[in-house]
Amino acid sequence: MTRYKPHLSLKLACSLLLPAALLTLASFRSAYVVSAQTPQSFDRVVRAKHKQFIEYQQDFDHFGESGIGTDEYHYAMDLAKVAGDTEHSLSAVNTLLEIYGDLSCPEDRANVAPLIERELGYYSKMIELSVKEANLTIAHTQMPGVAAEGTRMRDDLRQVKGVFDSIKLR
């Protein structure tokens, strides 16, 4: 019986580490993500916006409760859905950035970067559509509170899109 010495080449080691890194979500290392537009680290920006959109969703849910049985209920719920969808997008982008930050092998980073950048483009496009949806809903509501909060959310959606568009992976 022939015995083989366990030997892992660098390439094999990297290929084994990638699935493990993708399954392990540890702290984000913003040193791997750069942008001239946003001096604050992206993980903090994305987490802050994530929290903000959870609050928007709760606010629009409360507005909707006061307008049950009217068109205003539907407008508030439409804006709550936009906020919820954006919250999910922010969570997904944060996860992608954490995964990228956890990769230590340059080959894995090179292999994963195009996938993450493509996903960032997808989420950016989704946010762009959410801005349009928010604009349409804001134009129809008659409740000043919904209109004001919707306008703030729309402006934050534009900021989120700008953050997504400015993320460049090293």
C-alpha atoms as a PDB file:
ATOM      1  CA  MET A   1       0.000   0.000   0.000  1.00  0.00           C
ATOM      2  CA  THR A   2       1.424   3.345  -1.026  1.00  0.00           C
ATOM      3  CA  ARG A   3       1.325   6.165   1.454  1.00  0.00           C
ATOM      4  CA  TYR A   4       0.960   9.717   0.274  1.00  0.00           C
ATOM      5  CA  LYS A   5       2.300  12.571   2.271  1.00  0.00           C
ATOM      6  CA  PRO A   6      -0.340  15.196   2.958  1.00  0.00           C
ATOM      7  CA  HIS A   7       0.696  18.156   0.836  1.00  0.00           C
ATOM      8  CA  LEU A   8      -1.478  21.146   0.093  1.00  0.00           C
ATOM      9  CA  SER A   9      -0.292  23.599  -2.454  1.00  0.00           C
ATOM     10  CA  LEU A  10      -1.084  27.263  -1.995  1.00  0.00           C
ATOM     11  CA  LYS A  11      -3.729  27.040  -4.692  1.00  0.00           C
ATOM     12  CA  LEU A  12      -5.412  24.065  -3.049  1.00  0.00           C
ATOM     13  CA  ALA A  13      -5.273  25.768   0.337  1.00  0.00           C
ATOM     14  CA  CYS A  14      -6.927  28.855  -1.104  1.00  0.00           C
ATOM     15  CA  SER A  15      -9.613  26.768  -2.777  1.00  0.00           C
ATOM     16  CA  LEU A  16     -10.381  25.104   0.556  1.00  0.00           C
ATOM     17  CA  LEU A  17     -10.442  28.388   2.451  1.00  0.00           C
ATOM     18  CA  LEU A  18     -12.915  30.102   0.131  1.00  0.00           C
ATOM     19  CA  PRO A  19     -15.964  28.002   1.090  1.00  0.00           C
ATOM     20  CA  ALA A  20     -15.049  28.251   4.757  1.00  0.00           C
ATOM     21  CA  ALA A  21     -14.669  32.020   4.498  1.00  0.00           C
ATOM     22  CA  LEU A  22     -17.968  32.340   2.670  1.00  0.00           C
ATOM     23  CA  LEU A  23     -19.717  30.489   5.474  1.00  0.00           C
ATOM     24  CA  THR A  24     -18.023  32.435   8.262  1.00  0.00           C
ATOM     25  CA  LEU A  25     -19.253  35.964   8.755  1.00  0.00           C
ATOM     26  CA  ALA A  26     -16.849  37.758  11.027  1.00  0.00           C
ATOM     27  CA  SER A  27     -16.075  41.423  11.386  1.00  0.00           C
ATOM     28  CA  PHE A  28     -15.738  43.537   8.273  1.00  0.00           C
ATOM     29  CA  ARG A  29     -12.322  44.888   7.440  1.00  0.00           C
ATOM     30  CA  SER A  30     -12.860  48.151   5.583  1.00  0.00           C
ATOM     31  CA  ALA A  31      -9.185  48.280   4.591  1.00  0.00           C
ATOM     32  CA  TYR A  32     -10.136  46.098   1.621  1.00  0.00           C
ATOM     33  CA  VAL A  33     -12.770  48.498   0.328  1.00  0.00           C
ATOM     34  CA  VAL A  34     -11.862  51.942  -0.930  1.00  0.00           C
ATOM     35  CA  SER A  35     -13.581  55.058  -2.168  1.00  0.00           C
ATOM     36  CA  ALA A  36     -12.608  58.663  -2.526  1.00  0.00           C
ATOM     37  CA  GLN A  37     -16.181  59.799  -1.860  1.00  0.00           C
ATOM     38  CA  THR A  38     -16.836  58.246   1.538  1.00  0.00           C
ATOM     39  CA  PRO A  39     -14.202  58.748   4.227  1.00  0.00           C
ATOM     40  CA  GLN A  40     -16.215  56.834   6.842  1.00  0.00           C
ATOM     41  CA  SER A  41     -15.769  53.089   6.665  1.00  0.00           C
ATOM     42  CA  PHE A  42     -18.405  51.383   4.564  1.00  0.00           C
ATOM     43  CA  ASP A  43     -19.414  48.914   7.226  1.00  0.00           C
ATOM     44  CA  ARG A  44     -20.491  51.736   9.549  1.00  0.00           C
ATOM     45  CA  VAL A  45     -22.282  53.591   6.751  1.00  0.00           C
ATOM     46  CA  VAL A  46     -24.161  50.490   5.617  1.00  0.00           C
ATOM     47  CA  ARG A  47     -25.087  49.475   9.172  1.00  0.00           C
ATOM     48  CA  ALA A  48     -26.287  52.997  10.018  1.00  0.00           C
ATOM     49  CA  LYS A  49     -28.437  53.137   6.881  1.00  0.00           C
ATOM     50  CA  HIS A  50     -29.732  49.629   7.627  1.00  0.00           C
ATOM     51  CA  LYS A  51     -30.940  50.782  11.046  1.00  0.00           C
ATOM     52  CA  GLN A  52     -32.417  53.934   9.531  1.00  0.00           C
ATOM     53  CA  PHE A  53     -34.475  51.973   6.993  1.00  0.00           C
ATOM     54  CA  ILE A  54     -35.813  49.686   9.703  1.00  0.00           C
ATOM     55  CA  GLU A  55     -37.033  52.851  11.440  1.00  0.00           C
ATOM     56  CA  TYR A  56     -38.558  54.149   8.197  1.00  0.00           C
ATOM     57  CA  GLN A  57     -40.451  50.894   7.788  1.00  0.00           C
ATOM     58  CA  GLN A  58     -41.806  51.134  11.341  1.00  0.00           C
ATOM     59  CA  ASP A  59     -42.786  54.779  10.802  1.00  0.00           C
ATOM     60  CA  PHE A  60     -44.721  53.994   7.626  1.00  0.00           C
ATOM     61  CA  ASP A  61     -46.403  51.055   9.324  1.00  0.00           C
ATOM     62  CA  HIS A  62     -47.625  53.472  12.020  1.00  0.00           C
ATOM     63  CA  PHE A  63     -48.796  55.969   9.401  1.00  0.00           C
ATOM     64  CA  GLY A  64     -50.656  53.156   7.681  1.00  0.00           C
ATOM     65  CA  GLU A  65     -52.437  52.175  10.881  1.00  0.00           C
ATOM     66  CA  SER A  66     -53.924  55.648  11.121  1.00  0.00           C
ATOM     67  CA  GLY A  67     -55.190  55.490   7.550  1.00  0.00           C
ATOM     68  CA  ILE A  68     -56.743  52.009   7.432  1.00  0.00           C
ATOM     69  CA  GLY A  69     -59.521  51.851   4.881  1.00  0.00           C
ATOM     70  CA  THR A  70     -58.223  54.780   2.826  1.00  0.00           C
ATOM     71  CA  ASP A  71     -55.828  55.311  -0.041  1.00  0.00           C
ATOM     72  CA  GLU A  72     -53.394  56.779   2.495  1.00  0.00           C
ATOM     73  CA  TYR A  73     -53.072  53.316   4.044  1.00  0.00           C
ATOM     74  CA  HIS A  74     -51.876  51.945   0.700  1.00  0.00           C
ATOM     75  CA  TYR A  75     -49.449  54.813   0.160  1.00  0.00           C
ATOM     76  CA  ALA A  76     -47.937  54.312   3.609  1.00  0.00           C
ATOM     77  CA  MET A  77     -47.693  50.554   3.055  1.00  0.00           C
ATOM     78  CA  ASP A  78     -46.042  51.111  -0.347  1.00  0.00           C
ATOM     79  CA  LEU A  79     -43.402  53.274   1.323  1.00  0.00           C
ATOM     80  CA  ALA A  80     -43.021  50.704   4.125  1.00  0.00           C
ATOM     81  CA  LYS A  81     -42.343  48.077   1.459  1.00  0.00           C
ATOM     82  CA  VAL A  82     -39.704  50.294  -0.170  1.00  0.00           C
ATOM     83  CA  ALA A  83     -38.066  50.758   3.238  1.00  0.00           C
ATOM     84  CA  GLY A  84     -38.175  47.008   3.914  1.00  0.00           C
ATOM     85  CA  ASP A  85     -36.734  46.131   0.516  1.00  0.00           C
ATOM     86  CA  THR A  86     -33.947  48.666   1.039  1.00  0.00           C
ATOM     87  CA  GLU A  87     -33.234  47.234   4.488  1.00  0.00           C
ATOM     88  CA  HIS A  88     -32.822  43.790   2.892  1.00  0.00           C
ATOM     89  CA  SER A  89     -30.529  45.208   0.201  1.00  0.00           C
ATOM     90  CA  LEU A  90     -28.377  46.913   2.823  1.00  0.00           C
ATOM     91  CA  SER A  91     -28.171  43.697   4.815  1.00  0.00           C
ATOM     92  CA  ALA A  92     -27.123  41.744   1.716  1.00  0.00           C
ATOM     93  CA  VAL A  93     -24.452  44.292   0.780  1.00  0.00           C
ATOM     94  CA  ASN A  94     -23.128  44.281   4.332  1.00  0.00           C
ATOM     95  CA  THR A  95     -22.870  40.481   4.187  1.00  0.00           C
ATOM     96  CA  LEU A  96     -21.041  40.603   0.854  1.00  0.00           C
ATOM     97  CA  LEU A  97     -18.574  43.140   2.212  1.00  0.00           C
ATOM     98  CA  GLU A  98     -18.015  41.048   5.344  1.00  0.00           C
ATOM     99  CA  ILE A  99     -17.300  37.991   3.217  1.00  0.00           C
ATOM    100  CA  TYR A 100     -14.858  39.937   1.078  1.00  0.00           C
ATOM    101  CA  GLY A 101     -13.184  41.362   4.171  1.00  0.00           C
ATOM    102  CA  ASP A 102     -12.742  37.875   5.620  1.00  0.00           C
ATOM    103  CA  LEU A 103     -10.906  36.520   2.591  1.00  0.00           C
ATOM    104  CA  SER A 104      -7.171  36.439   3.154  1.00  0.00           C
ATOM    105  CA  CYS A 105      -6.052  34.709  -0.032  1.00  0.00           C
ATOM    106  CA  PRO A 106      -5.322  37.133  -2.916  1.00  0.00           C
ATOM    107  CA  GLU A 107      -6.546  34.555  -5.465  1.00  0.00           C
ATOM    108  CA  ASP A 108      -9.870  34.226  -3.682  1.00  0.00           C
ATOM    109  CA  ARG A 109     -10.233  38.003  -3.512  1.00  0.00           C
ATOM    110  CA  ALA A 110      -9.541  38.240  -7.229  1.00  0.00           C
ATOM    111  CA  ASN A 111     -12.111  35.523  -7.959  1.00  0.00           C
ATOM    112  CA  VAL A 112     -14.820  36.917  -5.693  1.00  0.00           C
ATOM    113  CA  ALA A 113     -14.411  40.647  -6.434  1.00  0.00           C
ATOM    114  CA  PRO A 114     -16.185  40.578  -9.841  1.00  0.00           C
ATOM    115  CA  LEU A 115     -19.119  38.674  -8.351  1.00  0.00           C
ATOM    116  CA  ILE A 116     -19.474  41.133  -5.469  1.00  0.00           C
ATOM    117  CA  GLU A 117     -19.112  44.133  -7.782  1.00  0.00           C
ATOM    118  CA  ARG A 118     -21.834  42.693 -10.030  1.00  0.00           C
ATOM    119  CA  GLU A 119     -24.103  42.254  -7.011  1.00  0.00           C
ATOM    120  CA  LEU A 120     -23.365  45.810  -5.878  1.00  0.00           C
ATOM    121  CA  GLY A 121     -24.473  46.973  -9.319  1.00  0.00           C
ATOM    122  CA  TYR A 122     -27.668  44.946  -8.999  1.00  0.00           C
ATOM    123  CA  TYR A 123     -28.468  46.415  -5.574  1.00  0.00           C
ATOM    124  CA  SER A 124     -27.668  49.909  -6.835  1.00  0.00           C
ATOM    125  CA  LYS A 125     -30.169  49.427  -9.668  1.00  0.00           C
ATOM    126  CA  MET A 126     -32.776  48.158  -7.203  1.00  0.00           C
ATOM    127  CA  ILE A 127     -32.287  51.279  -5.080  1.00  0.00           C
ATOM    128  CA  GLU A 128     -32.664  53.441  -8.186  1.00  0.00           C
ATOM    129  CA  LEU A 129     -36.021  51.785  -8.871  1.00  0.00           C
ATOM    130  CA  SER A 130     -37.002  52.314  -5.228  1.00  0.00           C
ATOM    131  CA  VAL A 131     -36.312  56.047  -5.607  1.00  0.00           C
ATOM    132  CA  LYS A 132     -38.742  56.143  -8.539  1.00  0.00           C
ATOM    133  CA  GLU A 133     -41.356  54.156  -6.614  1.00  0.00           C
ATOM    134  CA  ALA A 134     -41.004  56.478  -3.604  1.00  0.00           C
ATOM    135  CA  ASN A 135     -41.394  59.530  -5.849  1.00  0.00           C
ATOM    136  CA  LEU A 136     -44.628  58.176  -7.323  1.00  0.00           C
ATOM    137  CA  THR A 137     -46.072  57.388  -3.914  1.00  0.00           C
ATOM    138  CA  ILE A 138     -45.034  60.730  -2.384  1.00  0.00           C
ATOM    139  CA  ALA A 139     -46.761  62.533  -5.262  1.00  0.00           C
ATOM    140  CA  HIS A 140     -50.098  60.894  -4.417  1.00  0.00           C
ATOM    141  CA  THR A 141     -50.241  61.051  -0.639  1.00  0.00           C
ATOM    142  CA  GLN A 142     -52.280  63.755   1.090  1.00  0.00           C
ATOM    143  CA  MET A 143     -50.832  63.147   4.563  1.00  0.00           C
ATOM    144  CA  PRO A 144     -48.117  65.708   5.345  1.00  0.00           C
ATOM    145  CA  GLY A 145     -46.316  63.307   7.686  1.00  0.00           C
ATOM    146  CA  VAL A 146     -46.136  60.573   5.051  1.00  0.00           C
ATOM    147  CA  ALA A 147     -44.965  63.055   2.427  1.00  0.00           C
ATOM    148  CA  ALA A 148     -42.265  64.514   4.688  1.00  0.00           C
ATOM    149  CA  GLU A 149     -40.993  61.127   5.878  1.00  0.00           C
ATOM    150  CA  GLY A 150     -41.198  59.765   2.332  1.00  0.00           C
ATOM    151  CA  THR A 151     -39.118  62.676   1.056  1.00  0.00           C
ATOM    152  CA  ARG A 152     -36.466  62.064   3.730  1.00  0.00           C
ATOM    153  CA  MET A 153     -36.434  58.381   2.849  1.00  0.00           C
ATOM    154  CA  ARG A 154     -36.119  59.158  -0.858  1.00  0.00           C
ATOM    155  CA  ASP A 155     -33.111  61.374  -0.133  1.00  0.00           C
ATOM    156  CA  ASP A 156     -31.568  58.585   1.953  1.00  0.00           C
ATOM    157  CA  LEU A 157     -32.225  56.132  -0.887  1.00  0.00           C
ATOM    158  CA  ARG A 158     -30.180  58.383  -3.142  1.00  0.00           C
ATOM    159  CA  GLN A 159     -27.380  58.399  -0.566  1.00  0.00           C
ATOM    160  CA  VAL A 160     -27.470  54.601  -0.350  1.00  0.00           C
ATOM    161  CA  LYS A 161     -27.212  54.358  -4.124  1.00  0.00           C
ATOM    162  CA  GLY A 162     -24.231  56.716  -4.016  1.00  0.00           C
ATOM    163  CA  VAL A 163     -22.542  54.550  -1.386  1.00  0.00           C
ATOM    164  CA  PHE A 164     -23.148  51.373  -3.392  1.00  0.00           C
ATOM    165  CA  ASP A 165     -21.823  53.028  -6.540  1.00  0.00           C
ATOM    166  CA  SER A 166     -18.707  54.312  -4.787  1.00  0.00           C
ATOM    167  CA  ILE A 167     -17.567  50.999  -3.318  1.00  0.00           C
ATOM    168  CA  LYS A 168     -14.442  49.764  -5.071  1.00  0.00           C
ATOM    169  CA  LEU A 169     -12.821  46.509  -4.006  1.00  0.00           C
ATOM    170  CA  ARG A 170      -9.045  46.195  -3.844  1.00  0.00           C
END
